[in-house]
Protein backbone atom coordinates (compact mmCIF):
# COMPACT_ATOMS: atom_id res chain seq x y z
CA MET A 1 39.66 66.15 112.50
CA ARG A 2 43.02 64.84 113.66
CA GLU A 3 43.82 61.19 114.32
CA LYS A 4 46.96 59.74 115.88
CA VAL A 5 49.32 57.85 113.59
CA ILE A 6 50.33 54.47 115.02
CA LYS A 7 53.82 53.58 113.83
CA ARG A 8 55.02 50.02 113.58
CA GLU A 9 57.99 48.34 111.90
CA LYS A 10 55.89 47.12 109.01
CA GLY A 11 54.10 50.40 108.39
CA CYS A 12 51.90 53.19 109.73
CA TYR A 13 48.31 52.75 110.85
CA LEU A 14 45.50 55.25 111.23
CA LYS A 15 42.24 54.98 113.10
CA LEU A 16 39.42 55.52 110.59
CA PRO A 17 35.88 56.85 111.18
CA GLU A 18 33.25 54.27 112.15
CA GLU A 19 31.60 54.27 108.72
CA PHE A 20 34.64 52.46 107.30
CA ARG A 21 33.63 49.38 109.34
CA LYS A 22 31.20 48.55 106.53
CA VAL A 23 33.97 47.88 104.01
CA ASP A 24 37.00 45.60 103.90
CA GLU A 25 39.10 47.85 101.70
CA ILE A 26 39.55 51.57 101.08
CA GLU A 27 40.94 53.57 98.19
CA VAL A 28 43.78 56.05 98.69
CA PHE A 29 44.27 58.88 96.15
CA PRO A 30 47.51 60.93 96.38
CA LEU A 31 46.63 64.57 95.77
CA ARG A 32 50.05 66.22 96.34
CA ASP A 33 52.95 65.84 98.74
CA GLY A 34 51.58 65.21 102.22
CA TYR A 35 47.93 65.16 101.09
CA TYR A 36 45.84 62.04 100.47
CA LEU A 37 42.18 61.33 99.88
CA LEU A 38 40.68 58.25 101.56
CA SER A 39 37.47 56.81 100.13
CA VAL A 40 35.32 53.73 100.26
CA PRO A 41 35.80 51.74 97.04
CA LEU A 42 34.28 53.61 94.13
CA ALA A 43 31.84 51.87 91.82
CA ALA A 44 33.42 50.62 88.62
CA PRO A 45 32.41 52.63 85.53
CA PRO A 46 29.66 50.95 83.51
CA ALA A 47 31.08 48.71 80.84
CA GLN A 48 30.74 50.19 77.38
CA LYS A 49 28.71 48.16 74.96
CA ALA A 50 30.89 46.67 72.31
CA LYS A 51 30.08 47.87 68.82
CA PRO A 52 28.58 45.12 66.71
CA GLN A 53 31.24 43.66 64.47
CA GLU A 54 30.87 44.13 60.75
CA SER A 55 29.86 40.86 59.11
CA MET A 56 31.98 39.37 56.35
CA GLU A 57 29.15 40.02 53.89
CA GLU A 58 28.98 43.71 54.80
CA LYS A 59 32.77 43.96 54.61
CA VAL A 60 32.94 42.49 51.11
CA LEU A 61 30.01 44.54 49.79
CA LYS A 62 31.56 47.73 51.18
CA LYS A 63 34.90 46.95 49.52
CA LEU A 64 33.24 46.13 46.21
CA ASP A 65 31.12 49.29 46.35
CA SER A 66 34.24 51.43 46.85
CA LEU A 67 35.91 50.17 43.65
CA ALA A 68 35.48 51.55 40.15
CA LEU A 69 33.94 49.06 37.70
CA ARG A 70 37.23 48.39 35.93
CA LYS A 71 38.74 47.26 39.24
CA ARG A 72 36.02 44.69 39.95
CA SER A 73 37.56 42.02 37.74
CA PRO A 74 38.48 38.59 39.17
CA SER A 75 42.23 39.17 38.70
CA TYR A 76 42.14 42.47 40.61
CA LEU A 77 39.84 41.26 43.37
CA LYS A 78 41.88 38.09 44.01
CA LYS A 79 44.81 40.37 44.83
CA SER A 80 42.87 42.84 46.97
CA LEU A 81 40.60 40.43 48.88
CA SER A 82 41.65 37.90 51.48
CA LYS A 83 40.86 34.19 50.99
CA GLU A 84 37.90 34.49 53.37
CA GLU A 85 36.60 37.58 51.55
CA TRP A 86 36.94 35.86 48.16
CA LYS A 87 34.93 32.87 49.43
CA GLU A 88 32.28 35.28 50.72
CA LEU A 89 32.14 36.98 47.30
CA GLU A 90 31.47 33.61 45.67
CA LYS A 91 28.63 33.03 48.16
CA LEU A 92 27.17 36.45 47.34
CA VAL A 93 27.17 35.58 43.63
CA LYS A 94 25.34 32.31 44.32
CA SER A 95 22.76 34.10 46.48
CA GLY A 96 22.13 36.74 43.78
CA LYS A 97 23.29 39.68 45.87
CA VAL A 98 26.23 40.21 43.51
CA ALA A 99 26.13 39.68 39.75
CA TYR A 100 29.05 38.52 37.60
CA ILE A 101 28.88 40.42 34.29
CA HIS A 102 30.86 39.21 31.27
CA ASN A 103 30.63 40.93 27.87
CA LYS A 104 32.68 42.54 25.09
CA LYS A 105 33.44 45.61 27.18
CA PHE A 106 34.43 43.67 30.27
CA GLN A 107 36.02 40.63 28.66
CA GLU A 108 37.44 39.29 31.90
CA GLY A 109 34.18 40.03 33.68
CA ILE A 110 33.27 42.25 36.63
CA TYR A 111 31.32 41.85 39.85
CA VAL A 112 28.38 44.23 40.36
CA ILE A 113 26.23 44.66 43.46
CA GLU A 114 22.58 44.11 42.74
CA ASN A 115 20.08 46.69 44.03
CA ARG A 116 19.84 46.40 47.81
CA LYS A 117 16.46 47.24 49.25
CA LYS A 118 16.59 49.91 51.93
CA PRO A 119 13.82 51.49 53.99
CA MET A 120 12.31 54.40 52.11
CA LYS A 121 13.21 57.72 53.66
CA ARG A 122 11.53 61.07 53.19
CA GLN A 123 13.63 63.68 51.40
CA GLY A 124 12.17 66.79 53.04
CA GLU A 125 9.63 69.51 52.28
CA PRO A 126 8.71 70.31 48.64
CA ASN A 127 10.58 73.62 48.65
CA GLU A 128 13.67 71.95 50.10
CA MET A 129 13.58 69.21 47.45
CA ALA A 130 13.09 71.77 44.69
CA ASN A 131 16.06 73.78 45.93
CA ARG A 132 18.26 70.68 45.86
CA LEU A 133 17.01 69.79 42.39
CA PHE A 134 17.91 73.18 40.90
CA ALA A 135 21.18 73.41 42.85
CA ASN A 136 22.47 70.00 41.68
CA GLY A 137 20.52 69.61 38.46
CA TYR A 138 19.02 66.31 39.60
CA ILE A 139 17.41 64.59 42.57
CA ILE A 140 16.63 60.92 43.31
CA LEU A 141 13.58 60.23 45.47
CA GLU A 142 12.67 56.98 47.19
CA ALA A 143 9.17 57.72 48.49
CA SER A 144 6.21 58.16 46.13
CA ARG A 145 4.82 60.84 48.45
CA ASP A 146 7.96 62.92 47.91
CA ALA A 147 7.70 62.51 44.14
CA GLN A 148 4.06 63.61 44.24
CA SER A 149 4.84 66.61 46.46
CA LEU A 150 7.71 67.72 44.24
CA SER A 151 5.58 67.26 41.10
CA GLU A 152 2.88 69.51 42.55
CA ARG A 153 5.51 72.07 43.58
CA LEU A 154 6.92 72.17 40.02
CA LEU A 155 3.63 72.31 38.08
CA LYS A 156 4.55 75.65 36.52
CA GLN A 157 7.98 74.44 35.45
CA LYS A 158 7.07 71.16 33.78
CA GLY A 159 8.79 72.13 30.54
CA SER A 160 12.16 72.47 32.26
CA ILE A 161 11.93 69.31 34.39
CA MET A 162 12.14 65.65 33.36
CA GLY A 163 11.48 62.60 35.51
CA VAL A 164 11.02 58.85 35.43
CA ARG A 165 10.32 56.03 37.85
CA GLY A 166 13.01 53.36 37.62
CA PHE A 167 12.58 49.60 37.91
CA ASP A 168 14.15 49.92 41.36
CA GLY A 169 11.12 51.93 42.51
CA LYS A 170 13.04 55.21 42.82
CA TYR A 171 12.10 58.46 41.11
CA TYR A 172 14.79 60.16 39.00
CA VAL A 173 14.22 63.86 38.32
CA VAL A 174 16.56 66.18 36.39
CA THR A 175 16.43 69.70 34.98
CA SER A 176 16.50 70.04 31.20
CA THR A 177 19.80 71.95 31.49
CA TYR A 178 21.47 69.12 33.39
CA PHE A 179 19.96 66.52 31.05
CA LYS A 180 21.51 68.25 28.03
CA LYS A 181 24.90 68.48 29.73
CA ALA A 182 24.96 64.83 30.81
CA TRP A 183 23.48 63.60 27.50
CA GLU A 184 26.34 65.26 25.60
CA ALA A 185 28.78 63.41 27.85
CA VAL A 186 26.99 60.07 27.42
CA SER A 187 26.89 60.47 23.62
CA LYS A 188 30.69 60.62 23.54
CA MET A 189 30.98 57.19 25.15
CA GLY A 190 30.89 53.80 23.41
CA GLU A 191 27.99 51.46 22.72
CA GLU A 192 28.00 50.23 26.32
CA VAL A 193 28.23 52.67 29.18
CA THR A 194 27.79 52.89 32.94
CA PRO A 195 26.99 55.94 35.10
CA GLU A 196 30.32 55.46 36.91
CA GLU A 197 32.32 55.65 33.67
CA VAL A 198 30.58 58.80 32.44
CA ALA A 199 30.97 60.48 35.83
CA GLU A 200 34.66 59.61 36.06
CA LYS A 201 35.51 60.76 32.53
CA PHE A 202 33.59 64.04 32.54
CA GLY A 203 33.67 64.99 36.22
CA LEU A 204 29.94 64.57 36.77
CA SER A 205 27.95 63.06 39.63
CA ILE A 206 27.36 59.30 39.42
CA ASP A 207 23.77 59.74 40.63
CA GLY A 208 23.19 62.50 38.10
CA CYS A 209 24.47 60.33 35.25
CA LYS A 210 22.36 57.44 36.50
CA ALA A 211 19.26 59.64 36.41
CA VAL A 212 19.96 60.78 32.85
CA LEU A 213 20.61 57.21 31.65
CA LYS A 214 17.32 56.12 33.25
CA LEU A 215 15.57 58.82 31.24
CA LEU A 216 17.38 57.82 28.04
CA ALA A 217 16.31 54.21 28.62
CA GLU A 218 12.72 55.38 29.10
CA LYS A 219 12.93 57.24 25.76
CA GLY A 220 14.20 54.07 24.06
CA ASP A 221 17.67 55.38 23.25
CA TYR A 222 19.34 52.91 25.62
CA VAL A 223 18.54 49.56 27.18
CA GLU A 224 19.46 48.95 30.80
CA LYS A 225 21.15 45.58 31.22
CA LYS A 226 21.88 43.65 34.38
CA GLY A 227 24.45 45.28 36.64
CA GLY A 228 23.64 48.89 35.71
CA ILE A 229 25.19 48.69 32.24
CA TYR A 230 23.40 50.61 29.45
CA LEU A 231 23.48 49.55 25.80
CA ARG A 232 22.85 52.08 23.03
CA VAL A 233 19.96 51.05 20.80
């Protein structure tokens, strides 16, 4: 429809359809030269929920977890952490969530995250778990039902599979081939060793080395000390 344009010194005016009586303002959208879209005010888009901010504790634990053991010394951390983060680290030590380890190997001392309890999650069907075990050489299971299912699936291959339940409640399972490979790497280390050090030096998986060291501790060849450090017996 066409409407007459009323021209005045201070601007141009247009008679609008009756439905615009319900509003005090309108929105004008320029489409292209000479073309405009008039609309009643559009509803504002729903406000996006702000993501929950990471707590200082989570921030410090994440930073610590990302560092190799040799970089978790007080001198290194005081340079890499802010004053607030350093204070939080001290609180975590007092609460027992982080341990301060000091021995011959780490003369200055290092900070190690203690085992954090997480909800147990299922690892999949028995065949799927078995495939991952043989593909990687190891698998770590959290749920006892998964360990039982995998054990039943591998009944005929017991001679080529080794497993142990750790003090952390997890089940560490490795193939005999992977055990031999990782054991050879571990044997070339010193009296004290960590899974991270073996993995870094020989290009192995940290979890795989952890599983093998758990088995060696079960056999009595090593003793697991606080902070995930293993001492040769």
